Amino acid sequence: MDDVFVARQPIFSRDLSVYGYELLFRAADHSQSAEFISGDQATSQVILNAFTVVGLDQLVGKRRAFINVSRDFLLGAHRLPFPADRVVLELLEGTAADPEVLQALEDLGQAGFTLSLDDYEHQEQMQPMLERVHIVKLEVHRSTELELRQAVARLAPFGLQLLAEKVESQERYELCRELGFQLFQGYFLSKPKTVRGSSIPTSRLPTMSLLGQLYQPDVDLRELERIISSDVSLSYKLLRYMNSAFFPIQRRIDSIHQAVIYLGVRELQSWASLIAMAAVSDKPSELMVTLMVRARMCQQLARELKYPSQNTYFTVGLFSGLDALMDSSMEEVIRSLPLSSEVERALLAREGAAGELLECVLHYEQGDWDWLDASGYSPRMVIDAYLEAIDWAREIAMHW
């Protein structure tokens, strides 16, 4: 098959559990357009490849997949390669509510598909479309509170689910939730809820203390064993992880000492850091999954490129959202940890080899295909690293 870029962006319900993922596609052939979705046969083939070769379960698990479709794609003669109960079809903005489109929406709705209208803006001629879709997405990052209230009031008679798109702050999320939005999408989870001056909230200090101990320059195996053994939750989760299917170990590992010997200092720093961060229980689990995917993808790319100290790249990916997890600024978080200058420069300025790889991972995560085209990284290498990282993160999450 041709290489296919596939990225996913989470969509959250009101309780911040993951409702589904919007999937972004693009063929890795640089001669093709960088648009996510077009109506031509090439785009249809990209989607077919993604579903038949990559697999829906690998990309979204048991959750729904939101897929952008154009007018041409809706009206095409080809059979839609999607299970109706697993997919939300998003009709792109600017699609005219002409008779052919309205009939296609009618037919798809009767076939059991959930239909969404992307980037909705109020126009009287759109009313027939609103009567046939189930979800409406509104970009909320530039709208005033009054504009949002008016939009919600206009849409109320249609009984639709409202999806707030481009939610870029906790405050905007809370406003949209108050207004009655049921679904949310945006980068607000990648930013701290509140930057409280230069202090880390008291509730986060135990985790920061543990991370500080793990990253002491002179930490050794015996000290790591002592640190982990002193935390029952950390010990339990580490042993569950070590005995998972991810490790092809012939005999069961039933002590922290055995786990420490097997993994070694650098590996154990990475895994213990991951589990310690996951213990911050009042943050949405998707934030940790995102950080795990970033960490593993950075590490996998470093391995493919044969960079030394590959665990450093894991640390950079994992800590790239530590500010959001700790409700503090990245500068304050870094001042609290004994990190190397290489890791600090990567996190603060995207400098050095680790910073460059983190930049690549972040652009892929956001579906910025133009940047990836110009980056010089092998498309196949980046795609494989992303898909492997998703598999790995799902396996780890099962053992929390």
Protein backbone atom coordinates (compact mmCIF):
# COMPACT_ATOMS: atom_id res chain seq x y z
CA MET A 1 0.00 0.00 0.00
CA ASP A 2 0.99 3.66 -0.30
CA ASP A 3 2.16 5.33 2.90
CA VAL A 4 -0.66 7.07 4.73
CA PHE A 5 -0.40 9.77 7.39
CA VAL A 6 -3.03 9.07 10.04
CA ALA A 7 -3.32 11.23 13.14
CA ARG A 8 -6.06 11.43 15.74
CA GLN A 9 -7.39 14.19 17.95
CA PRO A 10 -9.59 13.34 20.94
CA ILE A 11 -13.17 14.53 21.34
CA PHE A 12 -14.40 14.66 24.94
CA SER A 13 -17.79 14.32 26.56
CA ARG A 14 -18.97 16.59 29.38
CA ASP A 15 -17.17 14.56 32.06
CA LEU A 16 -13.93 14.74 29.99
CA SER A 17 -14.03 11.06 29.13
CA VAL A 18 -13.11 10.35 25.49
CA TYR A 19 -16.18 10.16 23.25
CA GLY A 20 -14.22 9.60 20.04
CA TYR A 21 -11.30 10.69 17.89
CA GLU A 22 -11.26 12.86 14.81
CA LEU A 23 -9.05 11.14 12.26
CA LEU A 24 -6.88 13.16 9.90
CA PHE A 25 -5.64 11.48 6.74
CA ARG A 26 -3.22 12.27 4.00
CA ALA A 27 -1.22 10.19 1.57
CA ALA A 28 2.53 10.48 2.14
CA ASP A 29 3.12 10.97 -1.57
CA HIS A 30 4.45 14.53 -1.63
CA SER A 31 2.97 15.10 -5.05
CA GLN A 32 -0.53 15.01 -3.60
CA SER A 33 -2.37 17.89 -2.01
CA ALA A 34 -1.84 18.49 1.69
CA GLU A 35 -5.57 18.78 2.31
CA PHE A 36 -6.87 16.39 4.96
CA ILE A 37 -9.76 15.17 2.79
CA SER A 38 -10.72 15.77 -0.80
CA GLY A 39 -13.50 14.26 -2.85
CA ASP A 40 -11.38 12.57 -5.49
CA GLN A 41 -10.50 8.91 -5.85
CA ALA A 42 -7.04 9.42 -4.36
CA THR A 43 -8.55 10.47 -1.05
CA SER A 44 -10.98 7.56 -1.10
CA GLN A 45 -8.01 5.25 -1.53
CA VAL A 46 -6.18 6.88 1.37
CA ILE A 47 -9.14 6.23 3.67
CA LEU A 48 -9.56 2.68 2.41
CA ASN A 49 -5.89 1.98 3.04
CA ALA A 50 -6.09 3.44 6.51
CA PHE A 51 -9.04 1.26 7.47
CA THR A 52 -8.06 -1.95 5.73
CA VAL A 53 -4.34 -1.90 6.57
CA VAL A 54 -3.99 0.20 9.72
CA GLY A 55 -7.33 -0.82 11.18
CA LEU A 56 -10.06 1.10 12.97
CA ASP A 57 -9.49 -0.66 16.30
CA GLN A 58 -5.83 0.31 16.37
CA LEU A 59 -6.66 3.96 15.76
CA VAL A 60 -9.65 4.50 18.05
CA GLY A 61 -10.20 1.31 20.04
CA LYS A 62 -13.89 0.98 20.95
CA ARG A 63 -14.60 4.68 20.52
CA ARG A 64 -16.08 6.46 17.53
CA ALA A 65 -14.06 7.79 14.61
CA PHE A 66 -14.95 11.24 13.25
CA ILE A 67 -14.06 11.46 9.54
CA ASN A 68 -14.23 14.53 7.32
CA VAL A 69 -16.02 13.89 4.04
CA SER A 70 -16.60 16.20 1.11
CA ARG A 71 -19.65 16.53 -1.11
CA ASP A 72 -17.97 14.43 -3.82
CA PHE A 73 -17.17 11.70 -1.34
CA LEU A 74 -20.76 11.59 -0.06
CA LEU A 75 -22.20 11.42 -3.57
CA GLY A 76 -19.61 9.01 -4.97
CA ALA A 77 -20.68 5.65 -6.29
CA HIS A 78 -18.21 3.73 -4.10
CA ARG A 79 -19.45 1.91 -1.02
CA LEU A 80 -18.55 3.64 2.24
CA PRO A 81 -15.95 1.39 3.93
CA PHE A 82 -17.11 2.19 7.47
CA PRO A 83 -19.22 0.39 10.07
CA ALA A 84 -22.16 2.76 10.68
CA ASP A 85 -22.12 2.39 14.45
CA ARG A 86 -18.42 3.23 14.77
CA VAL A 87 -18.11 6.27 12.54
CA VAL A 88 -19.30 9.88 12.55
CA LEU A 89 -19.25 11.43 9.08
CA GLU A 90 -18.37 15.15 9.18
CA LEU A 91 -19.60 17.16 6.22
CA LEU A 92 -17.05 19.84 5.44
CA GLU A 93 -17.85 23.52 5.80
CA GLY A 94 -19.01 25.25 2.66
CA THR A 95 -20.95 22.25 1.37
CA ALA A 96 -24.15 23.53 -0.23
CA ALA A 97 -27.48 22.16 1.01
CA ASP A 98 -28.54 21.16 -2.51
CA PRO A 99 -31.06 18.36 -3.21
CA GLU A 100 -28.37 15.75 -3.94
CA VAL A 101 -26.56 16.40 -0.66
CA LEU A 102 -29.79 16.42 1.33
CA GLN A 103 -30.84 13.10 -0.20
CA ALA A 104 -27.42 11.59 0.56
CA LEU A 105 -27.70 12.71 4.19
CA GLU A 106 -31.21 11.25 4.36
CA ASP A 107 -29.98 7.90 3.03
CA LEU A 108 -26.94 7.78 5.32
CA GLY A 109 -29.04 8.64 8.36
CA GLN A 110 -31.46 5.83 7.54
CA ALA A 111 -28.47 3.49 7.16
CA GLY A 112 -27.52 4.21 10.77
CA PHE A 113 -24.69 6.70 10.30
CA THR A 114 -24.19 9.57 12.73
CA LEU A 115 -23.78 12.79 10.74
CA SER A 116 -22.00 15.95 11.78
CA LEU A 117 -21.83 19.43 10.27
CA ASP A 118 -18.33 20.87 10.56
CA ASP A 119 -17.55 24.52 11.38
CA TYR A 120 -21.18 25.62 11.30
CA GLU A 121 -21.99 29.28 10.72
CA HIS A 122 -25.58 30.53 10.80
CA GLN A 123 -27.25 30.74 7.40
CA GLU A 124 -30.97 30.33 6.70
CA GLN A 125 -30.31 28.04 3.73
CA MET A 126 -28.59 25.56 6.04
CA GLN A 127 -31.81 24.70 7.92
CA PRO A 128 -32.64 21.61 5.77
CA MET A 129 -29.19 20.25 6.58
CA LEU A 130 -29.68 20.85 10.31
CA GLU A 131 -32.82 18.74 10.10
CA ARG A 132 -30.78 15.76 8.82
CA VAL A 133 -27.59 15.79 10.92
CA HIS A 134 -27.05 14.78 14.53
CA ILE A 135 -24.03 16.84 15.64
CA VAL A 136 -23.01 20.42 14.87
CA LYS A 137 -19.45 21.65 15.42
CA LEU A 138 -18.88 25.30 16.29
CA GLU A 139 -15.49 26.97 16.50
CA VAL A 140 -15.55 28.71 19.86
CA HIS A 141 -12.08 30.18 20.33
CA ARG A 142 -12.86 33.56 18.74
CA SER A 143 -16.54 33.91 19.64
CA THR A 144 -17.74 36.15 22.45
CA GLU A 145 -19.96 34.75 25.17
CA LEU A 146 -22.94 36.60 23.67
CA GLU A 147 -22.28 35.13 20.20
CA LEU A 148 -22.07 31.64 21.65
CA ARG A 149 -25.31 32.08 23.58
CA GLN A 150 -27.07 33.27 20.43
CA ALA A 151 -25.73 30.31 18.40
CA VAL A 152 -26.88 27.82 21.05
CA ALA A 153 -30.35 29.42 21.15
CA ARG A 154 -30.70 29.26 17.34
CA LEU A 155 -29.76 25.57 17.27
CA ALA A 156 -31.86 24.51 20.27
CA PRO A 157 -35.08 23.75 18.26
CA PHE A 158 -33.24 21.10 16.21
CA GLY A 159 -32.34 18.89 19.19
CA LEU A 160 -28.73 18.48 18.06
CA GLN A 161 -25.61 17.58 19.98
CA LEU A 162 -23.30 20.60 20.05
CA LEU A 163 -19.56 20.07 19.73
CA ALA A 164 -17.28 22.93 20.80
CA GLU A 165 -14.26 22.97 18.51
CA LYS A 166 -10.95 24.75 19.19
CA VAL A 167 -11.42 24.87 22.95
CA GLU A 168 -8.06 26.33 23.86
CA SER A 169 -8.44 27.10 27.57
CA GLN A 170 -10.05 25.60 30.64
CA GLU A 171 -12.12 28.76 31.03
CA ARG A 172 -13.56 28.41 27.52
CA TYR A 173 -14.35 24.74 28.20
CA GLU A 174 -16.24 25.66 31.36
CA LEU A 175 -18.22 28.37 29.53
CA CYS A 176 -19.22 26.00 26.73
CA ARG A 177 -20.18 23.35 29.24
CA GLU A 178 -22.40 25.89 31.03
CA LEU A 179 -24.05 26.81 27.72
CA GLY A 180 -25.03 23.18 27.10
CA PHE A 181 -22.38 21.86 24.72
CA GLN A 182 -22.14 18.08 25.01
CA LEU A 183 -18.84 17.45 23.19
CA PHE A 184 -15.48 19.25 23.25
CA GLN A 185 -12.36 19.29 21.11
CA GLY A 186 -9.21 21.39 21.33
CA TYR A 187 -5.79 21.86 22.85
CA PHE A 188 -6.87 23.05 26.29
CA LEU A 189 -5.56 19.82 27.83
CA SER A 190 -2.07 20.66 26.62
CA LYS A 191 -1.98 23.86 28.67
CA PRO A 192 -2.11 24.41 32.43
CA LYS A 193 -5.56 25.11 33.85
CA THR A 194 -4.20 28.01 35.85
CA VAL A 195 -0.65 29.28 36.18
CA ARG A 196 -0.52 30.16 39.85
CA GLY A 197 2.32 32.64 39.89
CA SER A 198 5.47 30.59 40.23
CA SER A 199 4.18 27.88 42.55
CA ILE A 200 3.20 24.26 42.02
CA PRO A 201 -0.10 23.34 43.74
CA THR A 202 0.33 21.51 47.03
CA SER A 203 -1.61 18.50 45.77
CA ARG A 204 1.05 17.94 43.09
CA LEU A 205 4.09 18.17 45.35
CA PRO A 206 4.36 14.44 46.22
CA THR A 207 4.58 13.57 42.53
CA MET A 208 7.14 16.31 41.91
CA SER A 209 9.14 15.05 44.88
CA LEU A 210 9.16 11.51 43.50
CA LEU A 211 10.16 12.71 40.03
CA GLY A 212 12.92 14.77 41.61
CA GLN A 213 14.32 11.70 43.35
CA LEU A 214 14.09 9.59 40.21
CA TYR A 215 16.12 12.10 38.22
CA GLN A 216 18.93 12.74 40.66
CA PRO A 217 22.22 12.55 38.68
CA ASP A 218 23.74 10.00 41.08
CA VAL A 219 20.68 7.78 41.54
CA ASP A 220 21.52 4.05 41.47
CA LEU A 221 19.57 0.83 41.31
CA ARG A 222 19.35 0.36 45.06
CA GLU A 223 18.01 3.88 45.56
CA LEU A 224 15.46 3.44 42.77
CA GLU A 225 14.34 0.18 44.35
CA ARG A 226 13.90 1.95 47.70
CA ILE A 227 11.93 4.83 46.15
CA ILE A 228 9.53 2.56 44.28
CA SER A 229 9.11 0.08 47.12
CA SER A 230 8.07 2.90 49.45
CA ASP A 231 4.99 3.62 47.30
CA VAL A 232 2.47 0.76 47.28
CA SER A 233 0.57 2.05 44.25
CA LEU A 234 3.76 2.59 42.26
CA SER A 235 5.04 -0.89 43.16
CA TYR A 236 1.77 -2.58 42.21
CA LYS A 237 1.50 -0.83 38.86
CA LEU A 238 5.12 -1.49 37.97
CA LEU A 239 4.78 -5.23 38.67
CA ARG A 240 1.56 -5.41 36.64
CA TYR A 241 3.35 -3.71 33.79
CA MET A 242 6.39 -5.99 34.01
CA ASN A 243 4.17 -9.09 33.86
CA SER A 244 2.09 -7.84 30.93
CA ALA A 245 2.23 -9.29 27.44
CA PHE A 246 4.49 -6.42 26.43
CA PHE A 247 7.49 -8.17 28.01
CA PRO A 248 8.30 -11.68 26.65
CA ILE A 249 9.78 -12.81 29.98
CA GLN A 250 9.85 -16.55 30.60
CA ARG A 251 9.23 -16.40 34.34
CA ARG A 252 7.01 -14.17 36.43
CA ILE A 253 8.57 -11.07 37.99
CA ASP A 254 7.24 -10.83 41.53
CA SER A 255 9.53 -8.34 43.26
CA ILE A 256 10.62 -4.76 42.75
CA HIS A 257 14.22 -5.97 42.98
CA GLN A 258 13.73 -8.25 39.97
CA ALA A 259 12.05 -5.46 38.01
CA VAL A 260 14.89 -3.06 38.83
CA ILE A 261 17.55 -5.54 37.70
CA TYR A 262 15.67 -6.31 34.50
CA LEU A 263 15.06 -2.72 33.44
CA GLY A 264 18.14 -0.88 34.65
CA VAL A 265 18.43 2.72 35.84
CA ARG A 266 17.44 4.65 32.71
CA GLU A 267 14.54 2.43 31.69
CA LEU A 268 13.23 2.39 35.24
CA GLN A 269 13.39 6.18 35.48
CA SER A 270 11.19 6.42 32.41
CA TRP A 271 8.59 3.87 33.48
CA ALA A 272 8.41 4.97 37.09
CA SER A 273 8.00 8.58 35.96
CA LEU A 274 5.16 7.58 33.69
CA ILE A 275 3.35 5.71 36.45
CA ALA A 276 3.94 8.46 39.00
CA MET A 277 2.50 11.06 36.64
CA ALA A 278 -0.49 8.84 35.93
CA ALA A 279 -1.23 8.83 39.66
CA VAL A 280 -2.34 12.48 39.45
CA SER A 281 -5.91 11.24 39.41
CA ASP A 282 -7.95 14.42 38.86
CA LYS A 283 -6.62 14.93 35.34
CA PRO A 284 -8.36 13.34 32.33
CA SER A 285 -6.73 10.02 31.46
CA GLU A 286 -6.49 11.09 27.81
CA LEU A 287 -3.85 13.63 28.80
CA MET A 288 -1.66 10.82 30.11
CA VAL A 289 -2.36 8.69 27.03
CA THR A 290 -1.32 11.62 24.83
CA LEU A 291 1.90 12.07 26.79
CA MET A 292 2.62 8.35 26.64
CA VAL A 293 2.19 8.34 22.87
CA ARG A 294 4.49 11.36 22.58
CA ALA A 295 7.11 9.74 24.80
CA ARG A 296 7.13 6.43 22.98
CA MET A 297 7.07 8.08 19.56
CA CYS A 298 10.05 10.27 20.46
CA GLN A 299 11.92 7.20 21.71
CA GLN A 300 11.07 5.13 18.62
CA LEU A 301 12.19 7.87 16.27
CA ALA A 302 15.45 8.22 18.19
CA ARG A 303 16.02 4.47 17.82
CA GLU A 304 15.34 4.56 14.09
CA LEU A 305 17.73 7.48 13.70
CA LYS A 306 20.29 5.69 15.90
CA TYR A 307 20.57 8.57 18.34
CA PRO A 308 22.34 7.77 21.63
CA SER A 309 20.62 7.98 25.04
CA GLN A 310 17.21 7.13 23.63
CA ASN A 311 15.56 7.24 27.04
CA THR A 312 16.27 10.96 27.06
CA TYR A 313 13.84 11.30 24.15
CA PHE A 314 11.23 9.32 26.07
CA THR A 315 11.61 11.75 28.99
CA VAL A 316 11.25 14.78 26.73
CA GLY A 317 8.03 13.45 25.19
CA LEU A 318 6.59 12.43 28.56
CA PHE A 319 7.44 15.71 30.27
CA SER A 320 6.18 17.86 27.36
CA GLY A 321 2.80 18.10 29.11
CA LEU A 322 4.02 18.15 32.69
CA ASP A 323 2.96 21.80 32.99
CA ALA A 324 -0.67 20.84 32.27
CA LEU A 325 -0.50 17.88 34.62
CA MET A 326 0.93 19.96 37.46
CA ASP A 327 -1.12 23.12 36.81
CA SER A 328 2.01 25.22 36.62
CA SER A 329 4.28 26.81 34.05
CA MET A 330 6.88 24.69 32.29
CA GLU A 331 9.62 26.99 33.62
CA GLU A 332 8.53 26.34 37.22
CA VAL A 333 8.24 22.61 36.67
CA ILE A 334 11.73 22.42 35.23
CA ARG A 335 13.17 24.43 38.12
CA SER A 336 11.75 21.77 40.44
CA LEU A 337 13.49 18.84 38.74
CA PRO A 338 17.17 17.92 38.33
CA LEU A 339 16.92 17.59 34.54
CA SER A 340 19.86 17.77 32.16
CA SER A 341 20.42 20.90 30.09
CA GLU A 342 19.59 18.83 27.00
CA VAL A 343 16.12 18.00 28.33
CA GLU A 344 15.55 21.56 29.54
CA ARG A 345 16.44 23.07 26.15
CA ALA A 346 14.20 20.55 24.38
CA LEU A 347 11.19 21.32 26.59
CA LEU A 348 11.56 25.09 26.76
CA ALA A 349 12.91 26.00 23.33
CA ARG A 350 12.60 22.84 21.18
CA GLU A 351 16.36 22.99 20.76
CA GLY A 352 18.81 20.13 20.17
CA ALA A 353 18.10 16.73 18.66
CA ALA A 354 15.52 15.90 21.34
CA GLY A 355 13.74 19.22 20.84
CA GLU A 356 13.63 18.70 17.09
CA LEU A 357 12.11 15.23 17.47
CA LEU A 358 9.55 16.55 19.95
CA GLU A 359 8.65 19.25 17.41
CA CYS A 360 8.13 16.54 14.79
CA VAL A 361 5.89 14.54 17.11
CA LEU A 362 3.79 17.59 18.03
CA HIS A 363 3.28 18.56 14.39
CA TYR A 364 2.23 15.01 13.55
CA GLU A 365 -0.16 14.94 16.50
CA GLN A 366 -1.85 18.08 15.14
CA GLY A 367 -2.01 16.80 11.57
CA ASP A 368 0.37 19.47 10.25
CA TRP A 369 1.31 17.61 7.09
CA ASP A 370 2.91 20.61 5.37
CA TRP A 371 5.46 20.92 8.17
CA LEU A 372 6.20 17.20 7.96
CA ASP A 373 6.70 17.42 4.20
CA ALA A 374 9.35 20.09 4.71
CA SER A 375 10.99 18.44 7.73
CA GLY A 376 13.06 15.85 5.90
CA TYR A 377 11.91 13.00 8.16
CA SER A 378 10.97 9.75 6.42
CA PRO A 379 7.16 9.52 6.19
CA ARG A 380 7.25 5.75 6.68
CA MET A 381 9.42 6.09 9.78
CA VAL A 382 7.14 8.71 11.35
CA ILE A 383 3.94 6.80 10.57
CA ASP A 384 5.30 3.53 11.96
CA ALA A 385 6.52 5.26 15.13
CA TYR A 386 3.11 6.84 15.71
CA LEU A 387 1.13 3.63 15.24
CA GLU A 388 3.53 1.64 17.43
CA ALA A 389 3.27 4.31 20.11
CA ILE A 390 -0.54 4.10 20.10
CA ASP A 391 -0.37 0.31 20.53
CA TRP A 392 2.17 0.62 23.33
CA ALA A 393 0.21 3.31 25.18
CA ARG A 394 -2.97 1.23 24.99
CA GLU A 395 -1.15 -1.79 26.43
CA ILE A 396 0.30 0.26 29.29
CA ALA A 397 -3.02 1.89 30.11
CA MET A 398 -4.60 -1.53 30.53
CA HIS A 399 -2.31 -2.19 33.49
CA TRP A 400 -2.82 1.02 35.46
